PDB file of N, CA and C in Angstrom:
ATOM      1  N   MET A   1       0.664  -1.381  -0.260  1.00  0.00           N
ATOM      2  CA  MET A   1       0.522  -0.313  -0.097  1.00  0.00           C
ATOM      3  C   MET A   1       0.601   1.319   0.164  1.00  0.00           C
ATOM      4  N   ASN A   2       0.360   2.215  -0.741  1.00  0.00           N
ATOM      5  CA  ASN A   2       1.348   3.850  -0.716  1.00  0.00           C
ATOM      6  C   ASN A   2       0.990   4.672   0.230  1.00  0.00           C
ATOM      7  N   ASN A   3       1.666   5.147   0.342  1.00  0.00           N
ATOM      8  CA  ASN A   3       1.731   6.007   1.730  1.00  0.00           C
ATOM      9  C   ASN A   3       0.623   7.447   1.332  1.00  0.00           C
ATOM     10  N   LYS A   4       0.536   7.611   0.221  1.00  0.00           N
ATOM     11  CA  LYS A   4       0.016   8.560  -0.336  1.00  0.00           C
ATOM     12  C   LYS A   4      -1.817   7.958  -0.029  1.00  0.00           C
ATOM     13  N   HIS A   5      -2.024   7.115   0.187  1.00  0.00           N
ATOM     14  CA  HIS A   5      -3.455   6.147   0.156  1.00  0.00           C
ATOM     15  C   HIS A   5      -3.590   6.033   1.917  1.00  0.00           C
ATOM     16  N   GLN A   6      -2.896   6.777   2.855  1.00  0.00           N
ATOM     17  CA  GLN A   6      -3.277   6.097   3.946  1.00  0.00           C
ATOM     18  C   GLN A   6      -3.725   7.086   4.789  1.00  0.00           C
ATOM     19  N   ILE A   7      -4.392   6.848   5.808  1.00  0.00           N
ATOM     20  CA  ILE A   7      -5.015   7.528   6.870  1.00  0.00           C
ATOM     21  C   ILE A   7      -4.317   8.848   7.285  1.00  0.00           C
ATOM     22  N   PRO A   8      -4.429  10.150   7.561  1.00  0.00           N
ATOM     23  CA  PRO A   8      -3.403  10.766   8.085  1.00  0.00           C
ATOM     24  C   PRO A   8      -3.419  10.622   9.409  1.00  0.00           C
ATOM     25  N   ASN A   9      -2.433  11.099   9.977  1.00  0.00           N
ATOM     26  CA  ASN A   9      -1.884  10.421  11.322  1.00  0.00           C
ATOM     27  C   ASN A   9      -2.695  11.261  12.312  1.00  0.00           C
ATOM     28  N   LEU A  10      -3.294  10.310  12.949  1.00  0.00           N
ATOM     29  CA  LEU A  10      -4.127  10.288  14.344  1.00  0.00           C
ATOM     30  C   LEU A  10      -3.783  10.525  15.481  1.00  0.00           C
ATOM     31  N   ASP A  11      -2.261  10.634  15.805  1.00  0.00           N
ATOM     32  CA  ASP A  11      -1.519  10.895  16.855  1.00  0.00           C
ATOM     33  C   ASP A  11      -1.982  12.617  17.256  1.00  0.00           C
ATOM     34  N   LEU A  12      -2.561  13.021  16.449  1.00  0.00           N
ATOM     35  CA  LEU A  12      -2.655  14.257  17.046  1.00  0.00           C
ATOM     36  C   LEU A  12      -4.019  14.765  17.949  1.00  0.00           C
ATOM     37  N   LEU A  13      -4.959  13.756  17.839  1.00  0.00           N
ATOM     38  CA  LEU A  13      -6.011  13.937  18.788  1.00  0.00           C
ATOM     39  C   LEU A  13      -5.198  13.776  20.583  1.00  0.00           C
ATOM     40  N   ASP A  14      -4.295  13.087  20.456  1.00  0.00           N
ATOM     41  CA  ASP A  14      -3.538  12.809  21.852  1.00  0.00           C
ATOM     42  C   ASP A  14      -3.300  13.945  22.008  1.00  0.00           C
ATOM     43  N   GLN A  15      -3.106  15.556  21.521  1.00  0.00           N
ATOM     44  CA  GLN A  15      -2.109  16.363  21.845  1.00  0.00           C
ATOM     45  C   GLN A  15      -3.403  17.484  22.286  1.00  0.00           C
ATOM     46  N   ILE A  16      -4.579  16.964  21.748  1.00  0.00           N
ATOM     47  CA  ILE A  16      -5.921  18.075  22.340  1.00  0.00           C
ATOM     48  C   ILE A  16      -6.354  18.219  24.233  1.00  0.00           C
ATOM     49  N   GLN A  17      -5.914  19.328  24.705  1.00  0.00           N
ATOM     50  CA  GLN A  17      -5.770  19.606  26.173  1.00  0.00           C
ATOM     51  C   GLN A  17      -7.005  19.725  26.332  1.00  0.00           C
ATOM     52  N   LYS A  18      -7.532  19.131  27.623  1.00  0.00           N
ATOM     53  CA  LYS A  18      -9.091  19.955  28.174  1.00  0.00           C
ATOM     54  C   LYS A  18      -8.942  21.431  28.238  1.00  0.00           C
ATOM     55  N   VAL A  19     -10.161  21.758  28.050  1.00  0.00           N
ATOM     56  CA  VAL A  19     -10.472  23.337  28.357  1.00  0.00           C
ATOM     57  C   VAL A  19     -11.279  23.634  29.817  1.00  0.00           C
ATOM     58  N   ASP A  20     -10.923  23.942  30.449  1.00  0.00           N
ATOM     59  CA  ASP A  20     -11.816  24.513  32.000  1.00  0.00           C
ATOM     60  C   ASP A  20     -13.165  25.895  31.590  1.00  0.00           C
ATOM     61  N   ALA A  21     -14.141  25.594  31.572  1.00  0.00           N
ATOM     62  CA  ALA A  21     -15.317  26.305  31.347  1.00  0.00           C
ATOM     63  C   ALA A  21     -14.831  27.190  32.907  1.00  0.00           C
ATOM     64  N   PRO A  22     -15.439  28.860  32.198  1.00  0.00           N
ATOM     65  CA  PRO A  22     -15.619  29.642  33.354  1.00  0.00           C
ATOM     66  C   PRO A  22     -16.275  29.275  34.718  1.00  0.00           C
ATOM     67  N   PRO A  23     -16.122  29.790  35.726  1.00  0.00           N
ATOM     68  CA  PRO A  23     -16.839  29.155  36.915  1.00  0.00           C
ATOM     69  C   PRO A  23     -18.031  29.774  36.954  1.00  0.00           C
ATOM     70  N   PHE A  24     -19.030  28.667  37.381  1.00  0.00           N
ATOM     71  CA  PHE A  24     -20.667  29.310  37.445  1.00  0.00           C
ATOM     72  C   PHE A  24     -21.154  29.513  35.995  1.00  0.00           C
ATOM     73  N   LEU A  25     -20.582  29.212  35.063  1.00  0.00           N
ATOM     74  CA  LEU A  25     -21.107  29.026  33.509  1.00  0.00           C
ATOM     75  C   LEU A  25     -22.410  28.004  33.475  1.00  0.00           C
ATOM     76  N   LEU A  26     -22.444  26.792  34.040  1.00  0.00           N
ATOM     77  CA  LEU A  26     -23.272  26.389  34.069  1.00  0.00           C
ATOM     78  C   LEU A  26     -24.899  26.906  35.115  1.00  0.00           C
ATOM     79  N   THR A  27     -24.381  27.518  35.975  1.00  0.00           N
ATOM     80  CA  THR A  27     -25.631  28.192  36.870  1.00  0.00           C
ATOM     81  C   THR A  27     -26.165  29.269  36.121  1.00  0.00           C
ATOM     82  N   ARG A  28     -25.489  30.260  34.981  1.00  0.00           N
ATOM     83  CA  ARG A  28     -25.877  31.109  34.633  1.00  0.00           C
ATOM     84  C   ARG A  28     -26.708  30.696  33.517  1.00  0.00           C
ATOM     85  N   ILE A  29     -26.261  29.554  32.583  1.00  0.00           N
ATOM     86  CA  ILE A  29     -26.924  29.036  31.807  1.00  0.00           C
ATOM     87  C   ILE A  29     -28.247  28.556  32.237  1.00  0.00           C
ATOM     88  N   GLN A  30     -28.779  28.020  33.378  1.00  0.00           N
ATOM     89  CA  GLN A  30     -29.631  27.249  33.813  1.00  0.00           C
ATOM     90  C   GLN A  30     -30.556  28.440  34.386  1.00  0.00           C
ATOM     91  N   GLN A  31     -30.093  29.740  34.828  1.00  0.00           N
ATOM     92  CA  GLN A  31     -30.982  30.370  35.179  1.00  0.00           C
ATOM     93  C   GLN A  31     -31.659  31.757  33.888  1.00  0.00           C
ATOM     94  N   LYS A  32     -30.778  31.354  32.845  1.00  0.00           N
ATOM     95  CA  LYS A  32     -31.304  32.192  31.406  1.00  0.00           C
ATOM     96  C   LYS A  32     -32.595  31.074  31.394  1.00  0.00           C
ATOM     97  N   ILE A  33     -32.499  29.913  31.452  1.00  0.00           N
ATOM     98  CA  ILE A  33     -33.461  29.056  31.005  1.00  0.00           C
ATOM     99  C   ILE A  33     -34.499  29.128  31.297  1.00  0.00           C
ATOM    100  N   ASP A  34     -34.404  29.201  33.170  1.00  0.00           N
ATOM    101  CA  ASP A  34     -35.336  29.604  34.007  1.00  0.00           C
ATOM    102  C   ASP A  34     -35.996  30.887  33.642  1.00  0.00           C
ATOM    103  N   ASN A  35     -35.217  31.888  33.632  1.00  0.00           N
ATOM    104  CA  ASN A  35     -35.869  33.158  33.300  1.00  0.00           C
ATOM    105  C   ASN A  35     -36.524  33.476  31.881  1.00  0.00           C
ATOM    106  N   LYS A  36     -36.214  32.553  30.797  1.00  0.00           N
ATOM    107  CA  LYS A  36     -37.353  32.406  29.608  1.00  0.00           C
ATOM    108  C   LYS A  36     -38.668  32.205  30.043  1.00  0.00           C
ATOM    109  N   TYR A  37     -38.918  30.880  30.846  1.00  0.00           N
ATOM    110  CA  TYR A  37     -40.467  30.756  31.582  1.00  0.00           C
ATOM    111  C   TYR A  37     -41.031  31.832  32.266  1.00  0.00           C
ATOM    112  N   LEU A  38     -40.268  32.599  32.815  1.00  0.00           N
ATOM    113  CA  LEU A  38     -40.930  33.490  33.987  1.00  0.00           C
ATOM    114  C   LEU A  38     -41.885  34.886  33.163  1.00  0.00           C
ATOM    115  N   ASN A  39     -40.881  35.027  32.196  1.00  0.00           N
ATOM    116  CA  ASN A  39     -41.223  36.316  30.976  1.00  0.00           C
ATOM    117  C   ASN A  39     -43.302  35.711  30.777  1.00  0.00           C
ATOM    118  N   LYS A  40     -43.683  36.044  30.997  1.00  0.00           N
ATOM    119  CA  LYS A  40     -45.415  35.801  30.888  1.00  0.00           C
ATOM    120  C   LYS A  40     -45.619  37.494  31.113  1.00  0.00           C
ATOM    121  N   LEU A  41     -46.926  37.450  30.428  1.00  0.00           N
ATOM    122  CA  LEU A  41     -48.137  38.298  30.325  1.00  0.00           C
ATOM    123  C   LEU A  41     -48.139  38.708  31.876  1.00  0.00           C
ATOM    124  N   SER A  42     -48.539  40.108  32.110  1.00  0.00           N
ATOM    125  CA  SER A  42     -48.946  40.478  33.377  1.00  0.00           C
ATOM    126  C   SER A  42     -50.365  40.136  33.410  1.00  0.00           C
ATOM    127  N   PRO A  43     -51.026  39.970  34.122  1.00  0.00           N
ATOM    128  CA  PRO A  43     -52.575  40.344  34.276  1.00  0.00           C
ATOM    129  C   PRO A  43     -53.244  41.240  33.555  1.00  0.00           C
ATOM    130  N   ARG A  44     -52.482  42.555  33.801  1.00  0.00           N
ATOM    131  CA  ARG A  44     -53.097  43.344  33.209  1.00  0.00           C
ATOM    132  C   ARG A  44     -52.750  43.783  32.309  1.00  0.00           C
ATOM    133  N   MET A  45     -51.748  43.089  31.218  1.00  0.00           N
ATOM    134  CA  MET A  45     -51.626  43.174  30.393  1.00  0.00           C
ATOM    135  C   MET A  45     -52.100  42.222  29.054  1.00  0.00           C
ATOM    136  N   ALA A  46     -52.555  41.265  29.852  1.00  0.00           N
ATOM    137  CA  ALA A  46     -53.546  40.193  29.463  1.00  0.00           C
ATOM    138  C   ALA A  46     -55.200  40.626  29.329  1.00  0.00           C
ATOM    139  N   LEU A  47     -55.182  41.377  30.446  1.00  0.00           N
ATOM    140  CA  LEU A  47     -56.708  42.153  29.895  1.00  0.00           C
ATOM    141  C   LEU A  47     -56.832  43.154  29.183  1.00  0.00           C
ATOM    142  N   GLY A  48     -55.678  43.794  29.097  1.00  0.00           N
ATOM    143  CA  GLY A  48     -56.173  44.830  27.872  1.00  0.00           C
ATOM    144  C   GLY A  48     -55.760  44.494  26.485  1.00  0.00           C
ATOM    145  N   LEU A  49     -54.543  43.072  26.385  1.00  0.00           N
ATOM    146  CA  LEU A  49     -55.161  42.928  25.055  1.00  0.00           C
ATOM    147  C   LEU A  49     -56.410  42.282  24.446  1.00  0.00           C
ATOM    148  N   SER A  50     -56.945  40.940  25.839  1.00  0.00           N
ATOM    149  CA  SER A  50     -58.464  40.719  25.700  1.00  0.00           C
ATOM    150  C   SER A  50     -59.530  41.676  25.556  1.00  0.00           C
ATOM    151  N   VAL A  51     -59.497  42.820  25.965  1.00  0.00           N
ATOM    152  CA  VAL A  51     -60.321  43.548  25.498  1.00  0.00           C
ATOM    153  C   VAL A  51     -60.276  44.482  24.207  1.00  0.00           C
ATOM    154  N   SER A  52     -59.275  44.417  23.618  1.00  0.00           N
ATOM    155  CA  SER A  52     -58.698  45.245  22.701  1.00  0.00           C
ATOM    156  C   SER A  52     -59.170  44.243  21.675  1.00  0.00           C
ATOM    157  N   PHE A  53     -58.874  42.575  21.641  1.00  0.00           N
ATOM    158  CA  PHE A  53     -59.621  41.834  20.779  1.00  0.00           C
ATOM    159  C   PHE A  53     -60.914  42.170  20.697  1.00  0.00           C
ATOM    160  N   ILE A  54     -61.601  41.912  21.680  1.00  0.00           N
ATOM    161  CA  ILE A  54     -63.056  41.878  21.630  1.00  0.00           C
ATOM    162  C   ILE A  54     -63.658  43.076  21.099  1.00  0.00           C
ATOM    163  N   LEU A  55     -62.808  44.098  21.335  1.00  0.00           N
ATOM    164  CA  LEU A  55     -63.125  45.416  20.270  1.00  0.00           C
ATOM    165  C   LEU A  55     -63.348  45.494  19.511  1.00  0.00           C
ATOM    166  N   ILE A  56     -62.286  44.765  18.351  1.00  0.00           N
ATOM    167  CA  ILE A  56     -62.074  44.914  17.297  1.00  0.00           C
ATOM    168  C   ILE A  56     -62.690  43.495  16.792  1.00  0.00           C
ATOM    169  N   ILE A  57     -62.998  42.547  17.098  1.00  0.00           N
ATOM    170  CA  ILE A  57     -64.184  41.705  16.753  1.00  0.00           C
ATOM    171  C   ILE A  57     -65.563  42.497  16.748  1.00  0.00           C
ATOM    172  N   VAL A  58     -66.184  43.308  17.545  1.00  0.00           N
ATOM    173  CA  VAL A  58     -67.410  44.033  17.564  1.00  0.00           C
ATOM    174  C   VAL A  58     -67.098  45.061  16.770  1.00  0.00           C
ATOM    175  N   LEU A  59     -66.197  45.699  16.615  1.00  0.00           N
ATOM    176  CA  LEU A  59     -66.250  46.547  15.054  1.00  0.00           C
ATOM    177  C   LEU A  59     -66.261  45.742  14.172  1.00  0.00           C
ATOM    178  N   ASN A  60     -65.910  44.792  13.879  1.00  0.00           N
ATOM    179  CA  ASN A  60     -65.704  44.132  12.827  1.00  0.00           C
ATOM    180  C   ASN A  60     -67.305  43.621  12.422  1.00  0.00           C
ATOM    181  N   ILE A  61     -67.807  43.007  13.175  1.00  0.00           N
ATOM    182  CA  ILE A  61     -69.333  42.605  12.993  1.00  0.00           C
ATOM    183  C   ILE A  61     -70.348  44.010  12.843  1.00  0.00           C
ATOM    184  N   ALA A  62     -69.984  44.946  13.285  1.00  0.00           N
ATOM    185  CA  ALA A  62     -70.752  46.015  13.164  1.00  0.00           C
ATOM    186  C   ALA A  62     -70.456  46.655  11.272  1.00  0.00           C
ATOM    187  N   VAL A  63     -69.229  46.586  11.199  1.00  0.00           N
ATOM    188  CA  VAL A  63     -68.999  47.227   9.700  1.00  0.00           C
ATOM    189  C   VAL A  63     -69.828  46.167   8.676  1.00  0.00           C
ATOM    190  N   VAL A  64     -69.774  45.014   9.052  1.00  0.00           N
ATOM    191  CA  VAL A  64     -70.069  44.253   8.377  1.00  0.00           C
ATOM    192  C   VAL A  64     -71.542  43.884   8.328  1.00  0.00           C
ATOM    193  N   VAL A  65     -72.313  44.234   9.263  1.00  0.00           N
ATOM    194  CA  VAL A  65     -73.633  44.201   9.440  1.00  0.00           C
ATOM    195  C   VAL A  65     -74.066  45.558   8.798  1.00  0.00           C
ATOM    196  N   ASN A  66     -73.608  46.628   8.733  1.00  0.00           N
ATOM    197  CA  ASN A  66     -73.875  48.338   8.127  1.00  0.00           C
ATOM    198  C   ASN A  66     -73.454  47.651   6.649  1.00  0.00           C
ATOM    199  N   TYR A  67     -72.745  47.219   6.165  1.00  0.00           N
ATOM    200  CA  TYR A  67     -72.428  47.327   5.049  1.00  0.00           C
ATOM    201  C   TYR A  67     -73.677  46.447   3.813  1.00  0.00           C
ATOM    202  N   ASN A  68     -73.907  45.640   4.698  1.00  0.00           N
ATOM    203  CA  ASN A  68     -74.838  44.190   4.140  1.00  0.00           C
ATOM    204  C   ASN A  68     -76.304  45.439   3.960  1.00  0.00           C
ATOM    205  N   LYS A  69     -76.905  45.864   4.996  1.00  0.00           N
ATOM    206  CA  LYS A  69     -77.633  47.069   5.021  1.00  0.00           C
ATOM    207  C   LYS A  69     -77.504  48.037   4.012  1.00  0.00           C
ATOM    208  N   ASN A  70     -76.392  48.660   3.891  1.00  0.00           N
ATOM    209  CA  ASN A  70     -75.979  49.402   2.882  1.00  0.00           C
ATOM    210  C   ASN A  70     -76.633  49.099   1.384  1.00  0.00           C
ATOM    211  N   SER A  71     -75.620  48.028   1.119  1.00  0.00           N
ATOM    212  CA  SER A  71     -75.789  47.640  -0.083  1.00  0.00           C
ATOM    213  C   SER A  71     -77.116  46.890  -0.415  1.00  0.00           C
ATOM    214  N   ILE A  72     -78.062  46.306   0.434  1.00  0.00           N
ATOM    215  CA  ILE A  72     -79.347  46.429   0.249  1.00  0.00           C
ATOM    216  C   ILE A  72     -80.289  47.659  -0.400  1.00  0.00           C
ATOM    217  N   LYS A  73     -79.843  48.485   0.560  1.00  0.00           N
ATOM    218  CA  LYS A  73     -80.718  49.730   0.249  1.00  0.00           C
ATOM    219  C   LYS A  73     -80.111  50.285  -1.175  1.00  0.00           C
ATOM    220  N   GLU A  74     -79.318  50.014  -1.413  1.00  0.00           N
ATOM    221  CA  GLU A  74     -78.220  50.765  -2.888  1.00  0.00           C
ATOM    222  C   GLU A  74     -79.064  49.682  -4.154  1.00  0.00           C
ATOM    223  N   SER A  75     -78.855  48.465  -3.518  1.00  0.00           N
ATOM    224  CA  SER A  75     -79.876  47.466  -4.610  1.00  0.00           C
ATOM    225  C   SER A  75     -81.089  47.938  -4.726  1.00  0.00           C
ATOM    226  N   ASN A  76     -81.498  48.096  -3.781  1.00  0.00           N
ATOM    227  CA  ASN A  76     -83.448  48.296  -4.165  1.00  0.00           C
ATOM    228  C   ASN A  76     -83.985  49.776  -4.616  1.00  0.00           C
ATOM    229  N   LEU A  77     -82.676  50.809  -4.427  1.00  0.00           N
ATOM    230  CA  LEU A  77     -82.510  52.174  -5.155  1.00  0.00           C
ATOM    231  C   LEU A  77     -82.440  51.908  -6.536  1.00  0.00           C
ATOM    232  N   ALA A  78     -81.233  51.143  -6.934  1.00  0.00           N
ATOM    233  CA  ALA A  78     -80.985  50.765  -8.409  1.00  0.00           C
ATOM    234  C   ALA A  78     -81.854  49.996  -9.084  1.00  0.00           C
ATOM    235  N   GLN A  79     -82.505  49.178  -8.591  1.00  0.00           N
ATOM    236  CA  GLN A  79     -83.946  48.443  -9.228  1.00  0.00           C
ATOM    237  C   GLN A  79     -85.087  49.185  -9.131  1.00  0.00           C
ATOM    238  N   SER A  80     -85.257  50.763  -8.594  1.00  0.00           N
ATOM    239  CA  SER A  80     -86.544  51.112  -8.568  1.00  0.00           C
ATOM    240  C   SER A  80     -86.125  51.961  -9.881  1.00  0.00           C
ATOM    241  N   MET A  81     -84.868  52.618 -10.043  1.00  0.00           N
ATOM    242  CA  MET A  81     -84.498  53.740 -10.830  1.00  0.00           C
ATOM    243  C   MET A  81     -84.108  52.745 -12.228  1.00  0.00           C
ATOM    244  N   ASN A  82     -84.451  51.415 -12.319  1.00  0.00           N
ATOM    245  CA  ASN A  82     -84.206  50.133 -13.538  1.00  0.00           C
ATOM    246  C   ASN A  82     -82.510  50.751 -13.969  1.00  0.00           C
ATOM    247  N   LEU A  83     -81.479  50.667 -12.723  1.00  0.00           N
ATOM    248  CA  LEU A  83     -80.817  50.735 -13.359  1.00  0.00           C
ATOM    249  C   LEU A  83     -79.818  49.237 -12.378  1.00  0.00           C
ATOM    250  N   MET A  84     -78.917  49.010 -13.479  1.00  0.00           N
ATOM    251  CA  MET A  84     -77.979  47.430 -12.917  1.00  0.00           C
ATOM    252  C   MET A  84     -77.498  47.823 -11.598  1.00  0.00           C
ATOM    253  N   PRO A  85     -77.949  47.081 -10.647  1.00  0.00           N
ATOM    254  CA  PRO A  85     -77.211  46.898  -9.445  1.00  0.00           C
ATOM    255  C   PRO A  85     -75.864  46.215  -8.912  1.00  0.00           C
ATOM    256  N   ASP A  86     -75.202  45.715 -10.223  1.00  0.00           N
ATOM    257  CA  ASP A  86     -73.744  45.374 -10.407  1.00  0.00           C
ATOM    258  C   ASP A  86     -73.129  45.492 -11.188  1.00  0.00           C
ATOM    259  N   ASN A  87     -72.035  45.026 -11.388  1.00  0.00           N
ATOM    260  CA  ASN A  87     -70.879  45.503 -12.779  1.00  0.00           C
ATOM    261  C   ASN A  87     -71.069  44.546 -14.089  1.00  0.00           C
ATOM    262  N   TYR A  88     -71.753  43.441 -13.751  1.00  0.00           N
ATOM    263  CA  TYR A  88     -71.618  42.720 -14.627  1.00  0.00           C
ATOM    264  C   TYR A  88     -72.217  42.941 -15.782  1.00  0.00           C
ATOM    265  N   LEU A  89     -71.683  43.179 -16.522  1.00  0.00           N
ATOM    266  CA  LEU A  89     -72.492  43.521 -18.416  1.00  0.00           C
ATOM    267  C   LEU A  89     -72.956  42.268 -19.017  1.00  0.00           C
ATOM    268  N   TYR A  90     -72.440  41.500 -19.001  1.00  0.00           N
ATOM    269  CA  TYR A  90     -72.596  40.059 -19.468  1.00  0.00           C
ATOM    270  C   TYR A  90     -72.772  38.835 -18.775  1.00  0.00           C
ATOM    271  N   ARG A  91     -74.139  38.310 -18.760  1.00  0.00           N
ATOM    272  CA  ARG A  91     -74.150  36.765 -18.240  1.00  0.00           C
ATOM    273  C   ARG A  91     -74.016  35.982 -18.770  1.00  0.00           C
TER     274      ARG A  91
END
């Protein structure tokens, strides 16, 4: 077997030295993980978001209902004047 096709020398792995981690590194990592679960919404913020969400839903429903009433009135007005209530020219 040729020397060109041999596996590189693995003796270099024996020269690797162990590295010491800074003190308290593990406890700092664990504290950051614990703090991640503590960052929750306050009750006041949750209440404010809930009220805002409900207000947006009520406003959307009011707009949709009002839009339907207006479109029915416009349709009746257009029919009474013999106008086309829609934009479809060809059927």
